Amino acid sequence: MTATTDATDATAKFAALSAEKRLAIVNHLRANGEACVGEIFNAVANGVTAPAVSRHLRVLETAGIVSRRIDRQKRIVSLVPGAFDFLGEWAPRDGAQ
């Protein structure tokens, strides 16, 4: 990957996480592992409709943060392994600039 591609990827991920509900979805998945869409809705809905939660999941999926799969009647969502590895590359270490 080039520096431009890395910056674009990081920008997309930060933008996806800028919404409170999307960040809540990621935190729920970090704490509980994969979850079905209904469980995510119950955990983070509080004033948000089911279609809005689906749109939030689509944004997170497009940014490469979550993946979705179908298991019989359920739609299972999980964090993409390594989705946040870019933070180690992006953030300065040991006071370096």
PDB file of N, CA and C in Angstrom:
ATOM      1  N   MET A   1       0.826  -1.188   0.000  1.00  0.00           N
ATOM      2  CA  MET A   1       0.000   0.000   0.000  1.00  0.00           C
ATOM      3  C   MET A   1       0.870   1.251   0.000  1.00  0.00           C
ATOM      4  N   THR A   2       0.346   2.267  -0.629  1.00  0.00           N
ATOM      5  CA  THR A   2       1.066   3.532  -0.645  1.00  0.00           C
ATOM      6  C   THR A   2       0.623   4.384   0.522  1.00  0.00           C
ATOM      7  N   ALA A   3       1.359   5.446   0.788  1.00  0.00           N
ATOM      8  CA  ALA A   3       0.991   6.353   1.876  1.00  0.00           C
ATOM      9  C   ALA A   3      -0.374   6.973   1.621  1.00  0.00           C
ATOM     10  N   THR A   4      -0.674   7.267   0.352  1.00  0.00           N
ATOM     11  CA  THR A   4      -1.978   7.850   0.010  1.00  0.00           C
ATOM     12  C   THR A   4      -3.094   6.861   0.285  1.00  0.00           C
ATOM     13  N   THR A   5      -2.889   5.601  -0.100  1.00  0.00           N
ATOM     14  CA  THR A   5      -3.887   4.568   0.157  1.00  0.00           C
ATOM     15  C   THR A   5      -4.089   4.381   1.645  1.00  0.00           C
ATOM     16  N   ASP A   6      -3.005   4.347   2.399  1.00  0.00           N
ATOM     17  CA  ASP A   6      -3.102   4.210   3.852  1.00  0.00           C
ATOM     18  C   ASP A   6      -3.874   5.375   4.457  1.00  0.00           C
ATOM     19  N   ALA A   7      -3.601   6.588   3.997  1.00  0.00           N
ATOM     20  CA  ALA A   7      -4.288   7.768   4.516  1.00  0.00           C
ATOM     21  C   ALA A   7      -5.769   7.728   4.169  1.00  0.00           C
ATOM     22  N   THR A   8      -6.087   7.289   2.964  1.00  0.00           N
ATOM     23  CA  THR A   8      -7.484   7.180   2.551  1.00  0.00           C
ATOM     24  C   THR A   8      -8.213   6.144   3.397  1.00  0.00           C
ATOM     25  N   ASP A   9      -7.561   5.012   3.635  1.00  0.00           N
ATOM     26  CA  ASP A   9      -8.136   3.949   4.461  1.00  0.00           C
ATOM     27  C   ASP A   9      -8.373   4.450   5.886  1.00  0.00           C
ATOM     28  N   ALA A  10      -7.393   5.125   6.447  1.00  0.00           N
ATOM     29  CA  ALA A  10      -7.526   5.661   7.806  1.00  0.00           C
ATOM     30  C   ALA A  10      -8.638   6.694   7.867  1.00  0.00           C
ATOM     31  N   THR A  11      -8.717   7.565   6.858  1.00  0.00           N
ATOM     32  CA  THR A  11      -9.765   8.587   6.824  1.00  0.00           C
ATOM     33  C   THR A  11     -11.146   7.944   6.795  1.00  0.00           C
ATOM     34  N   ALA A  12     -11.318   6.901   5.983  1.00  0.00           N
ATOM     35  CA  ALA A  12     -12.607   6.203   5.892  1.00  0.00           C
ATOM     36  C   ALA A  12     -12.970   5.567   7.230  1.00  0.00           C
ATOM     37  N   LYS A  13     -11.990   4.989   7.894  1.00  0.00           N
ATOM     38  CA  LYS A  13     -12.270   4.343   9.178  1.00  0.00           C
ATOM     39  C   LYS A  13     -12.598   5.367  10.263  1.00  0.00           C
ATOM     40  N   PHE A  14     -11.833   6.444  10.312  1.00  0.00           N
ATOM     41  CA  PHE A  14     -12.142   7.488  11.293  1.00  0.00           C
ATOM     42  C   PHE A  14     -13.524   8.091  11.030  1.00  0.00           C
ATOM     43  N   ALA A  15     -13.848   8.321   9.771  1.00  0.00           N
ATOM     44  CA  ALA A  15     -15.164   8.877   9.419  1.00  0.00           C
ATOM     45  C   ALA A  15     -16.277   7.921   9.844  1.00  0.00           C
ATOM     46  N   ALA A  16     -16.070   6.627   9.611  1.00  0.00           N
ATOM     47  CA  ALA A  16     -17.082   5.642   9.993  1.00  0.00           C
ATOM     48  C   ALA A  16     -17.281   5.612  11.505  1.00  0.00           C
ATOM     49  N   LEU A  17     -16.215   5.837  12.255  1.00  0.00           N
ATOM     50  CA  LEU A  17     -16.304   5.785  13.718  1.00  0.00           C
ATOM     51  C   LEU A  17     -16.759   7.110  14.329  1.00  0.00           C
ATOM     52  N   SER A  18     -16.941   8.127  13.506  1.00  0.00           N
ATOM     53  CA  SER A  18     -17.288   9.448  14.043  1.00  0.00           C
ATOM     54  C   SER A  18     -18.726   9.538  14.542  1.00  0.00           C
ATOM     55  N   ALA A  19     -19.578   8.625  14.118  1.00  0.00           N
ATOM     56  CA  ALA A  19     -20.964   8.619  14.587  1.00  0.00           C
ATOM     57  C   ALA A  19     -21.064   7.825  15.890  1.00  0.00           C
ATOM     58  N   GLU A  20     -21.756   8.383  16.839  1.00  0.00           N
ATOM     59  CA  GLU A  20     -21.869   7.768  18.172  1.00  0.00           C
ATOM     60  C   GLU A  20     -22.408   6.340  18.105  1.00  0.00           C
ATOM     61  N   LYS A  21     -23.431   6.107  17.301  1.00  0.00           N
ATOM     62  CA  LYS A  21     -24.031   4.763  17.226  1.00  0.00           C
ATOM     63  C   LYS A  21     -23.076   3.764  16.581  1.00  0.00           C
ATOM     64  N   ARG A  22     -22.314   4.193  15.579  1.00  0.00           N
ATOM     65  CA  ARG A  22     -21.364   3.265  14.960  1.00  0.00           C
ATOM     66  C   ARG A  22     -20.249   2.908  15.932  1.00  0.00           C
ATOM     67  N   LEU A  23     -19.801   3.870  16.693  1.00  0.00           N
ATOM     68  CA  LEU A  23     -18.788   3.592  17.708  1.00  0.00           C
ATOM     69  C   LEU A  23     -19.355   2.643  18.769  1.00  0.00           C
ATOM     70  N   ALA A  24     -20.625   2.828  19.130  1.00  0.00           N
ATOM     71  CA  ALA A  24     -21.274   1.925  20.086  1.00  0.00           C
ATOM     72  C   ALA A  24     -21.354   0.501  19.532  1.00  0.00           C
ATOM     73  N   ILE A  25     -21.616   0.380  18.243  1.00  0.00           N
ATOM     74  CA  ILE A  25     -21.666  -0.948  17.619  1.00  0.00           C
ATOM     75  C   ILE A  25     -20.295  -1.613  17.703  1.00  0.00           C
ATOM     76  N   VAL A  26     -19.251  -0.873  17.372  1.00  0.00           N
ATOM     77  CA  VAL A  26     -17.886  -1.426  17.430  1.00  0.00           C
ATOM     78  C   VAL A  26     -17.535  -1.812  18.859  1.00  0.00           C
ATOM     79  N   ASN A  27     -17.874  -0.969  19.822  1.00  0.00           N
ATOM     80  CA  ASN A  27     -17.598  -1.295  21.224  1.00  0.00           C
ATOM     81  C   ASN A  27     -18.352  -2.542  21.661  1.00  0.00           C
ATOM     82  N   HIS A  28     -19.588  -2.688  21.209  1.00  0.00           N
ATOM     83  CA  HIS A  28     -20.372  -3.882  21.545  1.00  0.00           C
ATOM     84  C   HIS A  28     -19.689  -5.132  20.978  1.00  0.00           C
ATOM     85  N   LEU A  29     -19.236  -5.056  19.737  1.00  0.00           N
ATOM     86  CA  LEU A  29     -18.576  -6.203  19.121  1.00  0.00           C
ATOM     87  C   LEU A  29     -17.230  -6.495  19.779  1.00  0.00           C
ATOM     88  N   ARG A  30     -16.508  -5.463  20.174  1.00  0.00           N
ATOM     89  CA  ARG A  30     -15.229  -5.671  20.873  1.00  0.00           C
ATOM     90  C   ARG A  30     -15.455  -6.389  22.196  1.00  0.00           C
ATOM     91  N   ALA A  31     -16.509  -6.016  22.904  1.00  0.00           N
ATOM     92  CA  ALA A  31     -16.774  -6.587  24.226  1.00  0.00           C
ATOM     93  C   ALA A  31     -17.387  -7.981  24.150  1.00  0.00           C
ATOM     94  N   ASN A  32     -18.170  -8.238  23.105  1.00  0.00           N
ATOM     95  CA  ASN A  32     -18.948  -9.474  23.068  1.00  0.00           C
ATOM     96  C   ASN A  32     -18.612 -10.411  21.927  1.00  0.00           C
ATOM     97  N   GLY A  33     -17.702 -10.033  21.074  1.00  0.00           N
ATOM     98  CA  GLY A  33     -17.423 -10.858  19.897  1.00  0.00           C
ATOM     99  C   GLY A  33     -18.519 -10.668  18.867  1.00  0.00           C
ATOM    100  N   GLU A  34     -18.639 -11.611  17.954  1.00  0.00           N
ATOM    101  CA  GLU A  34     -19.642 -11.460  16.907  1.00  0.00           C
ATOM    102  C   GLU A  34     -21.047 -11.472  17.496  1.00  0.00           C
ATOM    103  N   ALA A  35     -21.977 -10.845  16.774  1.00  0.00           N
ATOM    104  CA  ALA A  35     -23.353 -10.752  17.250  1.00  0.00           C
ATOM    105  C   ALA A  35     -24.293 -10.688  16.056  1.00  0.00           C
ATOM    106  N   CYS A  36     -25.506 -11.153  16.262  1.00  0.00           N
ATOM    107  CA  CYS A  36     -26.497 -11.042  15.194  1.00  0.00           C
ATOM    108  C   CYS A  36     -27.017  -9.601  15.168  1.00  0.00           C
ATOM    109  N   VAL A  37     -27.558  -9.208  14.036  1.00  0.00           N
ATOM    110  CA  VAL A  37     -28.020  -7.835  13.851  1.00  0.00           C
ATOM    111  C   VAL A  37     -29.081  -7.474  14.894  1.00  0.00           C
ATOM    112  N   GLY A  38     -29.969  -8.391  15.223  1.00  0.00           N
ATOM    113  CA  GLY A  38     -30.999  -8.125  16.229  1.00  0.00           C
ATOM    114  C   GLY A  38     -30.409  -7.813  17.592  1.00  0.00           C
ATOM    115  N   GLU A  39     -29.365  -8.541  17.957  1.00  0.00           N
ATOM    116  CA  GLU A  39     -28.696  -8.285  19.241  1.00  0.00           C
ATOM    117  C   GLU A  39     -28.032  -6.907  19.239  1.00  0.00           C
ATOM    118  N   ILE A  40     -27.412  -6.567  18.126  1.00  0.00           N
ATOM    119  CA  ILE A  40     -26.784  -5.245  18.018  1.00  0.00           C
ATOM    120  C   ILE A  40     -27.844  -4.162  18.123  1.00  0.00           C
ATOM    121  N   PHE A  41     -28.956  -4.358  17.453  1.00  0.00           N
ATOM    122  CA  PHE A  41     -30.055  -3.390  17.525  1.00  0.00           C
ATOM    123  C   PHE A  41     -30.504  -3.207  18.973  1.00  0.00           C
ATOM    124  N   ASN A  42     -30.710  -4.308  19.687  1.00  0.00           N
ATOM    125  CA  ASN A  42     -31.147  -4.219  21.084  1.00  0.00           C
ATOM    126  C   ASN A  42     -30.114  -3.535  21.969  1.00  0.00           C
ATOM    127  N   ALA A  43     -28.839  -3.718  21.650  1.00  0.00           N
ATOM    128  CA  ALA A  43     -27.779  -3.160  22.480  1.00  0.00           C
ATOM    129  C   ALA A  43     -27.573  -1.666  22.253  1.00  0.00           C
ATOM    130  N   VAL A  44     -27.776  -1.199  21.035  1.00  0.00           N
ATOM    131  CA  VAL A  44     -27.412   0.190  20.729  1.00  0.00           C
ATOM    132  C   VAL A  44     -28.552   1.052  20.220  1.00  0.00           C
ATOM    133  N   ALA A  45     -29.725   0.493  20.008  1.00  0.00           N
ATOM    134  CA  ALA A  45     -30.808   1.229  19.340  1.00  0.00           C
ATOM    135  C   ALA A  45     -31.170   2.534  20.037  1.00  0.00           C
ATOM    136  N   ASN A  46     -31.695   2.460  21.243  1.00  0.00           N
ATOM    137  CA  ASN A  46     -32.062   3.642  22.021  1.00  0.00           C
ATOM    138  C   ASN A  46     -32.378   4.870  21.167  1.00  0.00           C
ATOM    139  N   GLY A  47     -33.542   4.852  20.526  1.00  0.00           N
ATOM    140  CA  GLY A  47     -33.970   5.986  19.717  1.00  0.00           C
ATOM    141  C   GLY A  47     -33.594   5.876  18.252  1.00  0.00           C
ATOM    142  N   VAL A  48     -33.029   4.749  17.837  1.00  0.00           N
ATOM    143  CA  VAL A  48     -32.647   4.560  16.448  1.00  0.00           C
ATOM    144  C   VAL A  48     -33.462   3.397  15.886  1.00  0.00           C
ATOM    145  N   THR A  49     -33.922   3.543  14.674  1.00  0.00           N
ATOM    146  CA  THR A  49     -34.731   2.496  14.048  1.00  0.00           C
ATOM    147  C   THR A  49     -33.846   1.353  13.539  1.00  0.00           C
ATOM    148  N   ALA A  50     -34.468   0.221  13.286  1.00  0.00           N
ATOM    149  CA  ALA A  50     -33.736  -0.925  12.736  1.00  0.00           C
ATOM    150  C   ALA A  50     -33.105  -0.585  11.382  1.00  0.00           C
ATOM    151  N   PRO A  51     -33.812   0.112  10.473  1.00  0.00           N
ATOM    152  CA  PRO A  51     -33.154   0.491   9.210  1.00  0.00           C
ATOM    153  C   PRO A  51     -31.934   1.399   9.417  1.00  0.00           C
ATOM    154  N   ALA A  52     -31.979   2.262  10.427  1.00  0.00           N
ATOM    155  CA  ALA A  52     -30.829   3.126  10.710  1.00  0.00           C
ATOM    156  C   ALA A  52     -29.645   2.299  11.194  1.00  0.00           C
ATOM    157  N   VAL A  53     -29.897   1.294  12.032  1.00  0.00           N
ATOM    158  CA  VAL A  53     -28.820   0.413  12.490  1.00  0.00           C
ATOM    159  C   VAL A  53     -28.230  -0.326  11.288  1.00  0.00           C
ATOM    160  N   SER A  54     -29.069  -0.764  10.373  1.00  0.00           N
ATOM    161  CA  SER A  54     -28.574  -1.433   9.162  1.00  0.00           C
ATOM    162  C   SER A  54     -27.696  -0.494   8.337  1.00  0.00           C
ATOM    163  N   ARG A  55     -28.090   0.769   8.235  1.00  0.00           N
ATOM    164  CA  ARG A  55     -27.265   1.737   7.502  1.00  0.00           C
ATOM    165  C   ARG A  55     -25.927   1.948   8.205  1.00  0.00           C
ATOM    166  N   HIS A  56     -25.946   2.026   9.538  1.00  0.00           N
ATOM    167  CA  HIS A  56     -24.691   2.164  10.287  1.00  0.00           C
ATOM    168  C   HIS A  56     -23.781   0.960  10.034  1.00  0.00           C
ATOM    169  N   LEU A  57     -24.355  -0.227  10.018  1.00  0.00           N
ATOM    170  CA  LEU A  57     -23.564  -1.433   9.753  1.00  0.00           C
ATOM    171  C   LEU A  57     -22.982  -1.399   8.348  1.00  0.00           C
ATOM    172  N   ARG A  58     -23.739  -0.902   7.391  1.00  0.00           N
ATOM    173  CA  ARG A  58     -23.248  -0.809   6.015  1.00  0.00           C
ATOM    174  C   ARG A  58     -22.050   0.142   5.925  1.00  0.00           C
ATOM    175  N   VAL A  59     -22.119   1.267   6.641  1.00  0.00           N
ATOM    176  CA  VAL A  59     -20.997   2.215   6.651  1.00  0.00           C
ATOM    177  C   VAL A  59     -19.759   1.550   7.245  1.00  0.00           C
ATOM    178  N   LEU A  60     -19.935   0.851   8.359  1.00  0.00           N
ATOM    179  CA  LEU A  60     -18.809   0.161   8.999  1.00  0.00           C
ATOM    180  C   LEU A  60     -18.243  -0.930   8.092  1.00  0.00           C
ATOM    181  N   GLU A  61     -19.108  -1.619   7.375  1.00  0.00           N
ATOM    182  CA  GLU A  61     -18.657  -2.669   6.465  1.00  0.00           C
ATOM    183  C   GLU A  61     -17.891  -2.064   5.285  1.00  0.00           C
ATOM    184  N   THR A  62     -18.389  -0.986   4.730  1.00  0.00           N
ATOM    185  CA  THR A  62     -17.721  -0.315   3.610  1.00  0.00           C
ATOM    186  C   THR A  62     -16.339   0.191   4.015  1.00  0.00           C
ATOM    187  N   ALA A  63     -16.203   0.628   5.262  1.00  0.00           N
ATOM    188  CA  ALA A  63     -14.917   1.120   5.766  1.00  0.00           C
ATOM    189  C   ALA A  63     -13.966  -0.017   6.126  1.00  0.00           C
ATOM    190  N   GLY A  64     -14.440  -1.255   6.058  1.00  0.00           N
ATOM    191  CA  GLY A  64     -13.576  -2.394   6.361  1.00  0.00           C
ATOM    192  C   GLY A  64     -13.424  -2.679   7.842  1.00  0.00           C
ATOM    193  N   ILE A  65     -14.384  -2.226   8.641  1.00  0.00           N
ATOM    194  CA  ILE A  65     -14.307  -2.414  10.091  1.00  0.00           C
ATOM    195  C   ILE A  65     -15.068  -3.656  10.532  1.00  0.00           C
ATOM    196  N   VAL A  66     -16.212  -3.920   9.911  1.00  0.00           N
ATOM    197  CA  VAL A  66     -16.987  -5.118  10.246  1.00  0.00           C
ATOM    198  C   VAL A  66     -17.242  -5.930   8.986  1.00  0.00           C
ATOM    199  N   SER A  67     -17.564  -7.193   9.202  1.00  0.00           N
ATOM    200  CA  SER A  67     -18.009  -8.050   8.107  1.00  0.00           C
ATOM    201  C   SER A  67     -19.320  -8.694   8.539  1.00  0.00           C
ATOM    202  N   ARG A  68     -20.115  -9.059   7.544  1.00  0.00           N
ATOM    203  CA  ARG A  68     -21.398  -9.707   7.830  1.00  0.00           C
ATOM    204  C   ARG A  68     -21.468 -11.019   7.073  1.00  0.00           C
ATOM    205  N   ARG A  69     -22.133 -11.988   7.710  1.00  0.00           N
ATOM    206  CA  ARG A  69     -22.359 -13.280   7.062  1.00  0.00           C
ATOM    207  C   ARG A  69     -23.748 -13.767   7.451  1.00  0.00           C
ATOM    208  N   ILE A  70     -24.251 -14.672   6.672  1.00  0.00           N
ATOM    209  CA  ILE A  70     -25.578 -15.233   6.928  1.00  0.00           C
ATOM    210  C   ILE A  70     -25.405 -16.619   7.516  1.00  0.00           C
ATOM    211  N   ASP A  71     -26.110 -16.868   8.619  1.00  0.00           N
ATOM    212  CA  ASP A  71     -26.124 -18.181   9.257  1.00  0.00           C
ATOM    213  C   ASP A  71     -27.587 -18.564   9.449  1.00  0.00           C
ATOM    214  N   ARG A  72     -28.089 -19.351   8.514  1.00  0.00           N
ATOM    215  CA  ARG A  72     -29.502 -19.718   8.469  1.00  0.00           C
ATOM    216  C   ARG A  72     -30.369 -18.463   8.436  1.00  0.00           C
ATOM    217  N   GLN A  73     -31.093 -18.172   9.486  1.00  0.00           N
ATOM    218  CA  GLN A  73     -31.991 -17.020   9.526  1.00  0.00           C
ATOM    219  C   GLN A  73     -31.334 -15.765  10.101  1.00  0.00           C
ATOM    220  N   LYS A  74     -30.122 -15.892  10.588  1.00  0.00           N
ATOM    221  CA  LYS A  74     -29.478 -14.769  11.266  1.00  0.00           C
ATOM    222  C   LYS A  74     -28.431 -14.106  10.383  1.00  0.00           C
ATOM    223  N   ARG A  75     -28.291 -12.814  10.573  1.00  0.00           N
ATOM    224  CA  ARG A  75     -27.214 -12.038   9.952  1.00  0.00           C
ATOM    225  C   ARG A  75     -26.198 -11.768  11.049  1.00  0.00           C
ATOM    226  N   ILE A  76     -25.021 -12.353  10.924  1.00  0.00           N
ATOM    227  CA  ILE A  76     -23.993 -12.257  11.951  1.00  0.00           C
ATOM    228  C   ILE A  76     -22.975 -11.181  11.562  1.00  0.00           C
ATOM    229  N   VAL A  77     -22.647 -10.327  12.520  1.00  0.00           N
ATOM    230  CA  VAL A  77     -21.694  -9.242  12.300  1.00  0.00           C
ATOM    231  C   VAL A  77     -20.485  -9.483  13.202  1.00  0.00           C
ATOM    232  N   SER A  78     -19.298  -9.262  12.648  1.00  0.00           N
ATOM    233  CA  SER A  78     -18.083  -9.385  13.452  1.00  0.00           C
ATOM    234  C   SER A  78     -17.085  -8.321  13.013  1.00  0.00           C
ATOM    235  N   LEU A  79     -16.159  -8.015  13.914  1.00  0.00           N
ATOM    236  CA  LEU A  79     -15.083  -7.093  13.567  1.00  0.00           C
ATOM    237  C   LEU A  79     -14.134  -7.775  12.597  1.00  0.00           C
ATOM    238  N   VAL A  80     -13.628  -7.030  11.646  1.00  0.00           N
ATOM    239  CA  VAL A  80     -12.649  -7.557  10.701  1.00  0.00           C
ATOM    240  C   VAL A  80     -11.306  -7.642  11.429  1.00  0.00           C
ATOM    241  N   PRO A  81     -10.685  -8.822  11.446  1.00  0.00           N
ATOM    242  CA  PRO A  81      -9.372  -8.935  12.096  1.00  0.00           C
ATOM    243  C   PRO A  81      -8.381  -7.951  11.469  1.00  0.00           C
ATOM    244  N   GLY A  82      -7.694  -7.227  12.312  1.00  0.00           N
ATOM    245  CA  GLY A  82      -6.700  -6.280  11.831  1.00  0.00           C
ATOM    246  C   GLY A  82      -7.259  -4.952  11.354  1.00  0.00           C
ATOM    247  N   ALA A  83      -8.548  -4.724  11.549  1.00  0.00           N
ATOM    248  CA  ALA A  83      -9.168  -3.487  11.060  1.00  0.00           C
ATOM    249  C   ALA A  83      -8.543  -2.233  11.661  1.00  0.00           C
ATOM    250  N   PHE A  84      -7.960  -2.363  12.833  1.00  0.00           N
ATOM    251  CA  PHE A  84      -7.390  -1.194  13.492  1.00  0.00           C
ATOM    252  C   PHE A  84      -5.864  -1.247  13.563  1.00  0.00           C
ATOM    253  N   ASP A  85      -5.264  -2.138  12.815  1.00  0.00           N
ATOM    254  CA  ASP A  85      -3.804  -2.224  12.792  1.00  0.00           C
ATOM    255  C   ASP A  85      -3.171  -0.928  12.297  1.00  0.00           C
ATOM    256  N   PHE A  86      -3.897  -0.196  11.460  1.00  0.00           N
ATOM    257  CA  PHE A  86      -3.365   1.046  10.917  1.00  0.00           C
ATOM    258  C   PHE A  86      -3.051   2.058  12.015  1.00  0.00           C
ATOM    259  N   LEU A  87      -3.692   1.931  13.180  1.00  0.00           N
ATOM    260  CA  LEU A  87      -3.437   2.890  14.258  1.00  0.00           C
ATOM    261  C   LEU A  87      -2.001   2.836  14.735  1.00  0.00           C
ATOM    262  N   GLY A  88      -1.429   1.639  14.783  1.00  0.00           N
ATOM    263  CA  GLY A  88      -0.037   1.501  15.185  1.00  0.00           C
ATOM    264  C   GLY A  88       0.914   2.151  14.197  1.00  0.00           C
ATOM    265  N   GLU A  89       0.545   2.122  12.922  1.00  0.00           N
ATOM    266  CA  GLU A  89       1.366   2.750  11.891  1.00  0.00           C
ATOM    267  C   GLU A  89       1.141   4.261  11.859  1.00  0.00           C
ATOM    268  N   TRP A  90      -0.048   4.671  12.183  1.00  0.00           N
ATOM    269  CA  TRP A  90      -0.456   6.069  12.056  1.00  0.00           C
ATOM    270  C   TRP A  90       0.015   6.918  13.234  1.00  0.00           C
ATOM    271  N   ALA A  91      -0.081   6.376  14.435  1.00  0.00           N
ATOM    272  CA  ALA A  91       0.240   7.155  15.630  1.00  0.00           C
ATOM    273  C   ALA A  91       1.751   7.194  15.846  1.00  0.00           C
ATOM    274  N   PRO A  92       2.279   8.356  16.200  1.00  0.00           N
ATOM    275  CA  PRO A  92       3.710   8.430  16.488  1.00  0.00           C
ATOM    276  C   PRO A  92       4.057   7.624  17.740  1.00  0.00           C
ATOM    277  N   ARG A  93       5.246   7.034  17.742  1.00  0.00           N
ATOM    278  CA  ARG A  93       5.693   6.238  18.871  1.00  0.00           C
ATOM    279  C   ARG A  93       6.836   6.937  19.590  1.00  0.00           C
ATOM    280  N   ASP A  94       6.902   6.728  20.861  1.00  0.00           N
ATOM    281  CA  ASP A  94       8.023   7.219  21.666  1.00  0.00           C
ATOM    282  C   ASP A  94       8.325   8.695  21.438  1.00  0.00           C
ATOM    283  N   GLY A  95       7.282   9.487  21.274  1.00  0.00           N
ATOM    284  CA  GLY A  95       7.467  10.919  21.108  1.00  0.00           C
ATOM    285  C   GLY A  95       7.968  11.329  19.746  1.00  0.00           C
ATOM    286  N   ALA A  96       8.138  10.370  18.823  1.00  0.00           N
ATOM    287  CA  ALA A  96       8.605  10.713  17.466  1.00  0.00           C
ATOM    288  C   ALA A  96       7.506  11.457  16.725  1.00  0.00           C
ATOM    289  N   GLN A  97       7.900  12.329  15.838  1.00  0.00           N
ATOM    290  CA  GLN A  97       6.902  13.098  15.077  1.00  0.00           C
ATOM    291  C   GLN A  97       6.953  12.789  13.622  1.00  0.00           C
TER     292      GLN A  97
END
